[in-house]
mmCIF file of all heavy atoms, coordinates in Angstrom:
data_MODEL
# 
_entry.id   MODEL 
# 
loop_
_atom_site.group_PDB 
_atom_site.id 
_atom_site.type_symbol 
_atom_site.label_atom_id 
_atom_site.label_alt_id 
_atom_site.label_comp_id 
_atom_site.label_asym_id 
_atom_site.label_entity_id 
_atom_site.label_seq_id 
_atom_site.pdbx_PDB_ins_code 
_atom_site.Cartn_x 
_atom_site.Cartn_y 
_atom_site.Cartn_z 
_atom_site.occupancy 
_atom_site.B_iso_or_equiv 
_atom_site.pdbx_formal_charge 
_atom_site.auth_seq_id 
_atom_site.auth_comp_id 
_atom_site.auth_asym_id 
_atom_site.auth_atom_id 
_atom_site.pdbx_PDB_model_num 
ATOM 1   N N   . ILE A 1 1  ? -3.618  0.697   0.813   1.00 0.00 ? 1  ILE A N   1 
ATOM 2   C CA  . ILE A 1 1  ? -3.978  0.924   -0.615  1.00 0.00 ? 1  ILE A CA  1 
ATOM 3   C C   . ILE A 1 1  ? -5.187  0.073   -1.030  1.00 0.00 ? 1  ILE A C   1 
ATOM 4   O O   . ILE A 1 1  ? -5.167  -1.141  -0.879  1.00 0.00 ? 1  ILE A O   1 
ATOM 5   C CB  . ILE A 1 1  ? -2.807  0.500   -1.527  1.00 0.00 ? 1  ILE A CB  1 
ATOM 6   C CG1 . ILE A 1 1  ? -1.558  1.322   -1.115  1.00 0.00 ? 1  ILE A CG1 1 
ATOM 7   C CG2 . ILE A 1 1  ? -3.123  0.716   -3.012  1.00 0.00 ? 1  ILE A CG2 1 
ATOM 8   C CD1 . ILE A 1 1  ? -0.294  0.815   -1.857  1.00 0.00 ? 1  ILE A CD1 1 
ATOM 9   N N   . ALA A 1 2  ? -6.248  0.782   -1.393  1.00 0.00 ? 2  ALA A N   1 
ATOM 10  C CA  . ALA A 1 2  ? -7.458  0.033   -1.963  1.00 0.00 ? 2  ALA A CA  1 
ATOM 11  C C   . ALA A 1 2  ? -7.250  -0.095  -3.431  1.00 0.00 ? 2  ALA A C   1 
ATOM 12  O O   . ALA A 1 2  ? -7.059  0.876   -4.157  1.00 0.00 ? 2  ALA A O   1 
ATOM 13  C CB  . ALA A 1 2  ? -8.695  0.820   -1.590  1.00 0.00 ? 2  ALA A CB  1 
ATOM 14  N N   . GLN A 1 3  ? -7.345  -1.270  -3.965  1.00 0.00 ? 3  GLN A N   1 
ATOM 15  C CA  . GLN A 1 3  ? -7.146  -1.550  -5.433  1.00 0.00 ? 3  GLN A CA  1 
ATOM 16  C C   . GLN A 1 3  ? -8.190  -2.539  -5.870  1.00 0.00 ? 3  GLN A C   1 
ATOM 17  O O   . GLN A 1 3  ? -8.830  -3.212  -5.051  1.00 0.00 ? 3  GLN A O   1 
ATOM 18  C CB  . GLN A 1 3  ? -5.745  -2.045  -5.628  1.00 0.00 ? 3  GLN A CB  1 
ATOM 19  C CG  . GLN A 1 3  ? -5.308  -2.090  -7.086  1.00 0.00 ? 3  GLN A CG  1 
ATOM 20  C CD  . GLN A 1 3  ? -3.920  -2.713  -7.262  1.00 0.00 ? 3  GLN A CD  1 
ATOM 21  O OE1 . GLN A 1 3  ? -3.063  -2.605  -6.392  1.00 0.00 ? 3  GLN A OE1 1 
ATOM 22  N NE2 . GLN A 1 3  ? -3.685  -3.363  -8.359  1.00 0.00 ? 3  GLN A NE2 1 
ATOM 23  N N   . GLY A 1 4  ? -8.422  -2.662  -7.135  1.00 0.00 ? 4  GLY A N   1 
ATOM 24  C CA  . GLY A 1 4  ? -9.311  -3.644  -7.654  1.00 0.00 ? 4  GLY A CA  1 
ATOM 25  C C   . GLY A 1 4  ? -10.785 -3.308  -7.607  1.00 0.00 ? 4  GLY A C   1 
ATOM 26  O O   . GLY A 1 4  ? -11.617 -4.054  -7.989  1.00 0.00 ? 4  GLY A O   1 
ATOM 27  N N   . ILE A 1 5  ? -11.129 -2.138  -7.062  1.00 0.00 ? 5  ILE A N   1 
ATOM 28  C CA  . ILE A 1 5  ? -12.532 -1.693  -6.931  1.00 0.00 ? 5  ILE A CA  1 
ATOM 29  C C   . ILE A 1 5  ? -13.246 -1.723  -8.244  1.00 0.00 ? 5  ILE A C   1 
ATOM 30  O O   . ILE A 1 5  ? -14.392 -2.214  -8.423  1.00 0.00 ? 5  ILE A O   1 
ATOM 31  C CB  . ILE A 1 5  ? -12.595 -0.343  -6.190  1.00 0.00 ? 5  ILE A CB  1 
ATOM 32  C CG1 . ILE A 1 5  ? -11.937 -0.469  -4.782  1.00 0.00 ? 5  ILE A CG1 1 
ATOM 33  C CG2 . ILE A 1 5  ? -14.031 0.134   -6.127  1.00 0.00 ? 5  ILE A CG2 1 
ATOM 34  C CD1 . ILE A 1 5  ? -11.707 0.840   -4.157  1.00 0.00 ? 5  ILE A CD1 1 
ATOM 35  N N   . GLU A 1 6  ? -12.661 -1.055  -9.238  1.00 0.00 ? 6  GLU A N   1 
ATOM 36  C CA  . GLU A 1 6  ? -13.234 -0.956  -10.597 1.00 0.00 ? 6  GLU A CA  1 
ATOM 37  C C   . GLU A 1 6  ? -13.426 -2.281  -11.239 1.00 0.00 ? 6  GLU A C   1 
ATOM 38  O O   . GLU A 1 6  ? -14.253 -2.398  -12.176 1.00 0.00 ? 6  GLU A O   1 
ATOM 39  C CB  . GLU A 1 6  ? -12.451 0.022   -11.510 1.00 0.00 ? 6  GLU A CB  1 
ATOM 40  C CG  . GLU A 1 6  ? -12.498 1.491   -11.013 1.00 0.00 ? 6  GLU A CG  1 
ATOM 41  C CD  . GLU A 1 6  ? -11.599 1.768   -9.828  1.00 0.00 ? 6  GLU A CD  1 
ATOM 42  O OE1 . GLU A 1 6  ? -10.785 0.867   -9.389  1.00 0.00 ? 6  GLU A OE1 1 
ATOM 43  O OE2 . GLU A 1 6  ? -11.739 2.858   -9.219  1.00 0.00 ? 6  GLU A OE2 1 
ATOM 44  N N   . MET A 1 7  ? -12.678 -3.254  -10.886 1.00 0.00 ? 7  MET A N   1 
ATOM 45  C CA  . MET A 1 7  ? -12.752 -4.606  -11.480 1.00 0.00 ? 7  MET A CA  1 
ATOM 46  C C   . MET A 1 7  ? -13.744 -5.479  -10.753 1.00 0.00 ? 7  MET A C   1 
ATOM 47  O O   . MET A 1 7  ? -13.966 -6.658  -11.155 1.00 0.00 ? 7  MET A O   1 
ATOM 48  C CB  . MET A 1 7  ? -11.372 -5.243  -11.461 1.00 0.00 ? 7  MET A CB  1 
ATOM 49  C CG  . MET A 1 7  ? -10.307 -4.459  -12.179 1.00 0.00 ? 7  MET A CG  1 
ATOM 50  S SD  . MET A 1 7  ? -8.709  -5.297  -12.020 1.00 0.00 ? 7  MET A SD  1 
ATOM 51  C CE  . MET A 1 7  ? -8.927  -6.773  -12.985 1.00 0.00 ? 7  MET A CE  1 
ATOM 52  N N   . GLY A 1 8  ? -14.286 -5.029  -9.695  1.00 0.00 ? 8  GLY A N   1 
ATOM 53  C CA  . GLY A 1 8  ? -15.242 -5.867  -8.899  1.00 0.00 ? 8  GLY A CA  1 
ATOM 54  C C   . GLY A 1 8  ? -14.475 -6.887  -8.015  1.00 0.00 ? 8  GLY A C   1 
ATOM 55  O O   . GLY A 1 8  ? -15.089 -7.842  -7.519  1.00 0.00 ? 8  GLY A O   1 
ATOM 56  N N   . ARG A 1 9  ? -13.157 -6.624  -7.793  1.00 0.00 ? 9  ARG A N   1 
ATOM 57  C CA  . ARG A 1 9  ? -12.359 -7.460  -6.893  1.00 0.00 ? 9  ARG A CA  1 
ATOM 58  C C   . ARG A 1 9  ? -11.665 -6.591  -5.860  1.00 0.00 ? 9  ARG A C   1 
ATOM 59  O O   . ARG A 1 9  ? -10.384 -6.391  -5.944  1.00 0.00 ? 9  ARG A O   1 
ATOM 60  C CB  . ARG A 1 9  ? -11.381 -8.312  -7.668  1.00 0.00 ? 9  ARG A CB  1 
ATOM 61  C CG  . ARG A 1 9  ? -12.022 -9.248  -8.768  1.00 0.00 ? 9  ARG A CG  1 
ATOM 62  C CD  . ARG A 1 9  ? -11.034 -10.324 -9.243  1.00 0.00 ? 9  ARG A CD  1 
ATOM 63  N NE  . ARG A 1 9  ? -10.636 -11.190 -8.127  1.00 0.00 ? 9  ARG A NE  1 
ATOM 64  C CZ  . ARG A 1 9  ? -11.259 -12.342 -7.825  1.00 0.00 ? 9  ARG A CZ  1 
ATOM 65  N NH1 . ARG A 1 9  ? -12.306 -12.743 -8.576  1.00 0.00 ? 9  ARG A NH1 1 
ATOM 66  N NH2 . ARG A 1 9  ? -10.830 -13.120 -6.880  1.00 0.00 ? 9  ARG A NH2 1 
ATOM 67  N N   . PRO A 1 10 ? -12.405 -6.019  -4.945  1.00 0.00 ? 10 PRO A N   1 
ATOM 68  C CA  . PRO A 1 10 ? -11.750 -5.093  -3.976  1.00 0.00 ? 10 PRO A CA  1 
ATOM 69  C C   . PRO A 1 10 ? -10.660 -5.738  -3.231  1.00 0.00 ? 10 PRO A C   1 
ATOM 70  O O   . PRO A 1 10 ? -10.775 -6.904  -2.701  1.00 0.00 ? 10 PRO A O   1 
ATOM 71  C CB  . PRO A 1 10 ? -12.905 -4.723  -3.094  1.00 0.00 ? 10 PRO A CB  1 
ATOM 72  C CG  . PRO A 1 10 ? -13.944 -5.749  -3.297  1.00 0.00 ? 10 PRO A CG  1 
ATOM 73  C CD  . PRO A 1 10 ? -13.850 -6.217  -4.713  1.00 0.00 ? 10 PRO A CD  1 
ATOM 74  N N   . SER A 1 11 ? -9.551  -5.008  -3.104  1.00 0.00 ? 11 SER A N   1 
ATOM 75  C CA  . SER A 1 11 ? -8.332  -5.553  -2.386  1.00 0.00 ? 11 SER A CA  1 
ATOM 76  C C   . SER A 1 11 ? -7.825  -4.470  -1.476  1.00 0.00 ? 11 SER A C   1 
ATOM 77  O O   . SER A 1 11 ? -8.069  -3.268  -1.629  1.00 0.00 ? 11 SER A O   1 
ATOM 78  C CB  . SER A 1 11 ? -7.282  -5.831  -3.441  1.00 0.00 ? 11 SER A CB  1 
ATOM 79  O OG  . SER A 1 11 ? -7.803  -6.665  -4.488  1.00 0.00 ? 11 SER A OG  1 
ATOM 80  N N   . LEU A 1 12 ? -7.089  -4.924  -0.431  1.00 0.00 ? 12 LEU A N   1 
ATOM 81  C CA  . LEU A 1 12 ? -6.498  -4.018  0.539   1.00 0.00 ? 12 LEU A CA  1 
ATOM 82  C C   . LEU A 1 12 ? -5.047  -4.401  0.760   1.00 0.00 ? 12 LEU A C   1 
ATOM 83  O O   . LEU A 1 12 ? -4.842  -5.555  1.224   1.00 0.00 ? 12 LEU A O   1 
ATOM 84  C CB  . LEU A 1 12 ? -7.274  -3.987  1.879   1.00 0.00 ? 12 LEU A CB  1 
ATOM 85  C CG  . LEU A 1 12 ? -6.831  -2.977  2.812   1.00 0.00 ? 12 LEU A CG  1 
ATOM 86  C CD1 . LEU A 1 12 ? -7.022  -1.537  2.337   1.00 0.00 ? 12 LEU A CD1 1 
ATOM 87  C CD2 . LEU A 1 12 ? -7.582  -3.125  4.173   1.00 0.00 ? 12 LEU A CD2 1 
ATOM 88  N N   . LEU A 1 13 ? -4.116  -3.563  0.487   1.00 0.00 ? 13 LEU A N   1 
ATOM 89  C CA  . LEU A 1 13 ? -2.718  -3.818  0.718   1.00 0.00 ? 13 LEU A CA  1 
ATOM 90  C C   . LEU A 1 13 ? -2.194  -2.884  1.786   1.00 0.00 ? 13 LEU A C   1 
ATOM 91  O O   . LEU A 1 13 ? -2.441  -1.684  1.699   1.00 0.00 ? 13 LEU A O   1 
ATOM 92  C CB  . LEU A 1 13 ? -1.879  -3.619  -0.577  1.00 0.00 ? 13 LEU A CB  1 
ATOM 93  C CG  . LEU A 1 13 ? -2.304  -4.464  -1.799  1.00 0.00 ? 13 LEU A CG  1 
ATOM 94  C CD1 . LEU A 1 13 ? -3.451  -3.901  -2.552  1.00 0.00 ? 13 LEU A CD1 1 
ATOM 95  C CD2 . LEU A 1 13 ? -1.092  -4.681  -2.720  1.00 0.00 ? 13 LEU A CD2 1 
ATOM 96  N N   . GLU A 1 14 ? -1.459  -3.399  2.747   1.00 0.00 ? 14 GLU A N   1 
ATOM 97  C CA  . GLU A 1 14 ? -0.862  -2.605  3.826   1.00 0.00 ? 14 GLU A CA  1 
ATOM 98  C C   . GLU A 1 14 ? 0.622   -2.492  3.527   1.00 0.00 ? 14 GLU A C   1 
ATOM 99  O O   . GLU A 1 14 ? 1.337   -3.464  3.338   1.00 0.00 ? 14 GLU A O   1 
ATOM 100 C CB  . GLU A 1 14 ? -1.082  -3.280  5.163   1.00 0.00 ? 14 GLU A CB  1 
ATOM 101 C CG  . GLU A 1 14 ? -2.564  -3.582  5.506   1.00 0.00 ? 14 GLU A CG  1 
ATOM 102 C CD  . GLU A 1 14 ? -3.368  -2.302  5.781   1.00 0.00 ? 14 GLU A CD  1 
ATOM 103 O OE1 . GLU A 1 14 ? -2.699  -1.241  5.956   1.00 0.00 ? 14 GLU A OE1 1 
ATOM 104 O OE2 . GLU A 1 14 ? -4.603  -2.396  5.788   1.00 0.00 ? 14 GLU A OE2 1 
ATOM 105 N N   . VAL A 1 15 ? 1.066   -1.209  3.551   1.00 0.00 ? 15 VAL A N   1 
ATOM 106 C CA  . VAL A 1 15 ? 2.483   -0.937  3.198   1.00 0.00 ? 15 VAL A CA  1 
ATOM 107 C C   . VAL A 1 15 ? 3.147   -0.185  4.408   1.00 0.00 ? 15 VAL A C   1 
ATOM 108 O O   . VAL A 1 15 ? 2.561   0.690   5.007   1.00 0.00 ? 15 VAL A O   1 
ATOM 109 C CB  . VAL A 1 15 ? 2.560   -0.051  1.972   1.00 0.00 ? 15 VAL A CB  1 
ATOM 110 C CG1 . VAL A 1 15 ? 4.004   0.233   1.577   1.00 0.00 ? 15 VAL A CG1 1 
ATOM 111 C CG2 . VAL A 1 15 ? 1.795   -0.664  0.794   1.00 0.00 ? 15 VAL A CG2 1 
ATOM 112 N N   . GLU A 1 16 ? 4.414   -0.593  4.660   1.00 0.00 ? 16 GLU A N   1 
ATOM 113 C CA  . GLU A 1 16 ? 5.222   0.072   5.636   1.00 0.00 ? 16 GLU A CA  1 
ATOM 114 C C   . GLU A 1 16 ? 6.550   0.382   5.141   1.00 0.00 ? 16 GLU A C   1 
ATOM 115 O O   . GLU A 1 16 ? 7.118   -0.353  4.246   1.00 0.00 ? 16 GLU A O   1 
ATOM 116 C CB  . GLU A 1 16 ? 5.413   -0.842  6.929   1.00 0.00 ? 16 GLU A CB  1 
ATOM 117 C CG  . GLU A 1 16 ? 4.145   -1.239  7.585   1.00 0.00 ? 16 GLU A CG  1 
ATOM 118 C CD  . GLU A 1 16 ? 4.380   -2.210  8.793   1.00 0.00 ? 16 GLU A CD  1 
ATOM 119 O OE1 . GLU A 1 16 ? 5.545   -2.727  8.900   1.00 0.00 ? 16 GLU A OE1 1 
ATOM 120 O OE2 . GLU A 1 16 ? 3.486   -2.332  9.644   1.00 0.00 ? 16 GLU A OE2 1 
ATOM 121 N N   . ALA A 1 17 ? 7.126   1.545   5.506   1.00 0.00 ? 17 ALA A N   1 
ATOM 122 C CA  . ALA A 1 17 ? 8.509   1.852   5.126   1.00 0.00 ? 17 ALA A CA  1 
ATOM 123 C C   . ALA A 1 17 ? 9.264   2.413   6.334   1.00 0.00 ? 17 ALA A C   1 
ATOM 124 O O   . ALA A 1 17 ? 8.693   3.258   7.102   1.00 0.00 ? 17 ALA A O   1 
ATOM 125 C CB  . ALA A 1 17 ? 8.424   2.983   4.079   1.00 0.00 ? 17 ALA A CB  1 
ATOM 126 N N   . ASP A 1 18 ? 10.409  1.857   6.574   1.00 0.00 ? 18 ASP A N   1 
ATOM 127 C CA  . ASP A 1 18 ? 11.352  2.318   7.616   1.00 0.00 ? 18 ASP A CA  1 
ATOM 128 C C   . ASP A 1 18 ? 12.243  3.377   7.148   1.00 0.00 ? 18 ASP A C   1 
ATOM 129 O O   . ASP A 1 18 ? 12.849  3.209   6.024   1.00 0.00 ? 18 ASP A O   1 
ATOM 130 C CB  . ASP A 1 18 ? 12.060  1.209   8.237   1.00 0.00 ? 18 ASP A CB  1 
ATOM 131 C CG  . ASP A 1 18 ? 11.220  0.090   8.852   1.00 0.00 ? 18 ASP A CG  1 
ATOM 132 O OD1 . ASP A 1 18 ? 10.068  0.463   9.235   1.00 0.00 ? 18 ASP A OD1 1 
ATOM 133 O OD2 . ASP A 1 18 ? 11.696  -1.025  9.082   1.00 0.00 ? 18 ASP A OD2 1 
ATOM 134 N N   . LYS A 1 19 ? 12.514  4.451   7.909   1.00 0.00 ? 19 LYS A N   1 
ATOM 135 C CA  . LYS A 1 19 ? 13.483  5.468   7.611   1.00 0.00 ? 19 LYS A CA  1 
ATOM 136 C C   . LYS A 1 19 ? 14.389  5.682   8.756   1.00 0.00 ? 19 LYS A C   1 
ATOM 137 O O   . LYS A 1 19 ? 13.948  5.714   9.890   1.00 0.00 ? 19 LYS A O   1 
ATOM 138 C CB  . LYS A 1 19 ? 12.755  6.800   7.189   1.00 0.00 ? 19 LYS A CB  1 
ATOM 139 C CG  . LYS A 1 19 ? 11.990  6.696   5.912   1.00 0.00 ? 19 LYS A CG  1 
ATOM 140 C CD  . LYS A 1 19 ? 11.326  8.047   5.578   1.00 0.00 ? 19 LYS A CD  1 
ATOM 141 C CE  . LYS A 1 19 ? 12.328  9.087   5.090   1.00 0.00 ? 19 LYS A CE  1 
ATOM 142 N NZ  . LYS A 1 19 ? 11.650  10.315  4.643   1.00 0.00 ? 19 LYS A NZ  1 
ATOM 143 N N   . ARG A 1 20 ? 15.644  5.747   8.437   1.00 0.00 ? 20 ARG A N   1 
ATOM 144 C CA  . ARG A 1 20 ? 16.695  6.002   9.429   1.00 0.00 ? 20 ARG A CA  1 
ATOM 145 C C   . ARG A 1 20 ? 17.597  7.108   8.875   1.00 0.00 ? 20 ARG A C   1 
ATOM 146 O O   . ARG A 1 20 ? 18.211  6.980   7.816   1.00 0.00 ? 20 ARG A O   1 
ATOM 147 C CB  . ARG A 1 20 ? 17.573  4.732   9.749   1.00 0.00 ? 20 ARG A CB  1 
ATOM 148 C CG  . ARG A 1 20 ? 16.726  3.600   10.269  1.00 0.00 ? 20 ARG A CG  1 
ATOM 149 C CD  . ARG A 1 20 ? 16.212  3.843   11.675  1.00 0.00 ? 20 ARG A CD  1 
ATOM 150 N NE  . ARG A 1 20 ? 15.423  2.689   12.163  1.00 0.00 ? 20 ARG A NE  1 
ATOM 151 C CZ  . ARG A 1 20 ? 14.100  2.574   12.094  1.00 0.00 ? 20 ARG A CZ  1 
ATOM 152 N NH1 . ARG A 1 20 ? 13.432  3.556   11.478  1.00 0.00 ? 20 ARG A NH1 1 
ATOM 153 N NH2 . ARG A 1 20 ? 13.445  1.526   12.575  1.00 0.00 ? 20 ARG A NH2 1 
ATOM 154 N N   . GLY A 1 21 ? 17.695  8.199   9.606   1.00 0.00 ? 21 GLY A N   1 
ATOM 155 C CA  . GLY A 1 21 ? 18.501  9.314   9.098   1.00 0.00 ? 21 GLY A CA  1 
ATOM 156 C C   . GLY A 1 21 ? 18.040  9.853   7.739   1.00 0.00 ? 21 GLY A C   1 
ATOM 157 O O   . GLY A 1 21 ? 18.800  10.340  6.992   1.00 0.00 ? 21 GLY A O   1 
ATOM 158 N N   . GLY A 1 22 ? 16.703  9.818   7.528   1.00 0.00 ? 22 GLY A N   1 
ATOM 159 C CA  . GLY A 1 22 ? 16.167  10.264  6.297   1.00 0.00 ? 22 GLY A CA  1 
ATOM 160 C C   . GLY A 1 22 ? 16.293  9.351   5.123   1.00 0.00 ? 22 GLY A C   1 
ATOM 161 O O   . GLY A 1 22 ? 15.776  9.639   4.019   1.00 0.00 ? 22 GLY A O   1 
ATOM 162 N N   . VAL A 1 23 ? 16.873  8.152   5.353   1.00 0.00 ? 23 VAL A N   1 
ATOM 163 C CA  . VAL A 1 23 ? 17.109  7.161   4.319   1.00 0.00 ? 23 VAL A CA  1 
ATOM 164 C C   . VAL A 1 23 ? 16.128  6.014   4.463   1.00 0.00 ? 23 VAL A C   1 
ATOM 165 O O   . VAL A 1 23 ? 15.939  5.535   5.624   1.00 0.00 ? 23 VAL A O   1 
ATOM 166 C CB  . VAL A 1 23 ? 18.585  6.694   4.310   1.00 0.00 ? 23 VAL A CB  1 
ATOM 167 C CG1 . VAL A 1 23 ? 18.778  5.664   3.255   1.00 0.00 ? 23 VAL A CG1 1 
ATOM 168 C CG2 . VAL A 1 23 ? 19.515  7.851   4.105   1.00 0.00 ? 23 VAL A CG2 1 
ATOM 169 N N   . ILE A 1 24 ? 15.526  5.537   3.389   1.00 0.00 ? 24 ILE A N   1 
ATOM 170 C CA  . ILE A 1 24 ? 14.653  4.392   3.417   1.00 0.00 ? 24 ILE A CA  1 
ATOM 171 C C   . ILE A 1 24 ? 15.478  3.107   3.641   1.00 0.00 ? 24 ILE A C   1 
ATOM 172 O O   . ILE A 1 24 ? 16.440  2.859   2.867   1.00 0.00 ? 24 ILE A O   1 
ATOM 173 C CB  . ILE A 1 24 ? 13.856  4.234   2.134   1.00 0.00 ? 24 ILE A CB  1 
ATOM 174 C CG1 . ILE A 1 24 ? 12.961  5.470   1.891   1.00 0.00 ? 24 ILE A CG1 1 
ATOM 175 C CG2 . ILE A 1 24 ? 13.008  3.012   2.158   1.00 0.00 ? 24 ILE A CG2 1 
ATOM 176 C CD1 . ILE A 1 24 ? 12.345  5.525   0.519   1.00 0.00 ? 24 ILE A CD1 1 
# 
Protein backbone atom coordinates (compact mmCIF):
# COMPACT_ATOMS: atom_id res chain seq x y z
CA ILE A 1 0.00 0.00 0.00
CA ALA A 2 1.42 3.36 -1.09
CA GLN A 3 0.06 6.14 1.12
CA GLY A 4 0.98 9.73 2.01
CA ILE A 5 1.90 10.67 -1.57
CA GLU A 6 -0.47 13.64 -1.73
CA MET A 7 0.90 14.91 1.59
CA GLY A 8 4.51 14.85 0.44
CA ARG A 9 5.30 12.02 2.89
CA PRO A 10 5.39 8.88 0.73
CA SER A 11 4.91 5.71 2.72
CA LEU A 12 4.90 2.00 1.95
CA LEU A 13 3.02 -0.56 4.04
CA GLU A 14 3.33 -4.30 3.47
CA VAL A 15 0.25 -6.38 4.34
CA GLU A 16 -0.16 -10.14 4.63
CA ALA A 17 -3.25 -12.24 5.33
CA ASP A 18 -3.33 -15.97 6.07
CA LYS A 19 -6.34 -18.06 5.02
CA ARG A 20 -7.14 -21.60 6.09
CA GLY A 21 -10.21 -23.33 4.73
CA GLY A 22 -11.36 -20.03 3.26
CA VAL A 23 -11.24 -18.34 6.68
CA ILE A 24 -8.89 -15.47 7.57
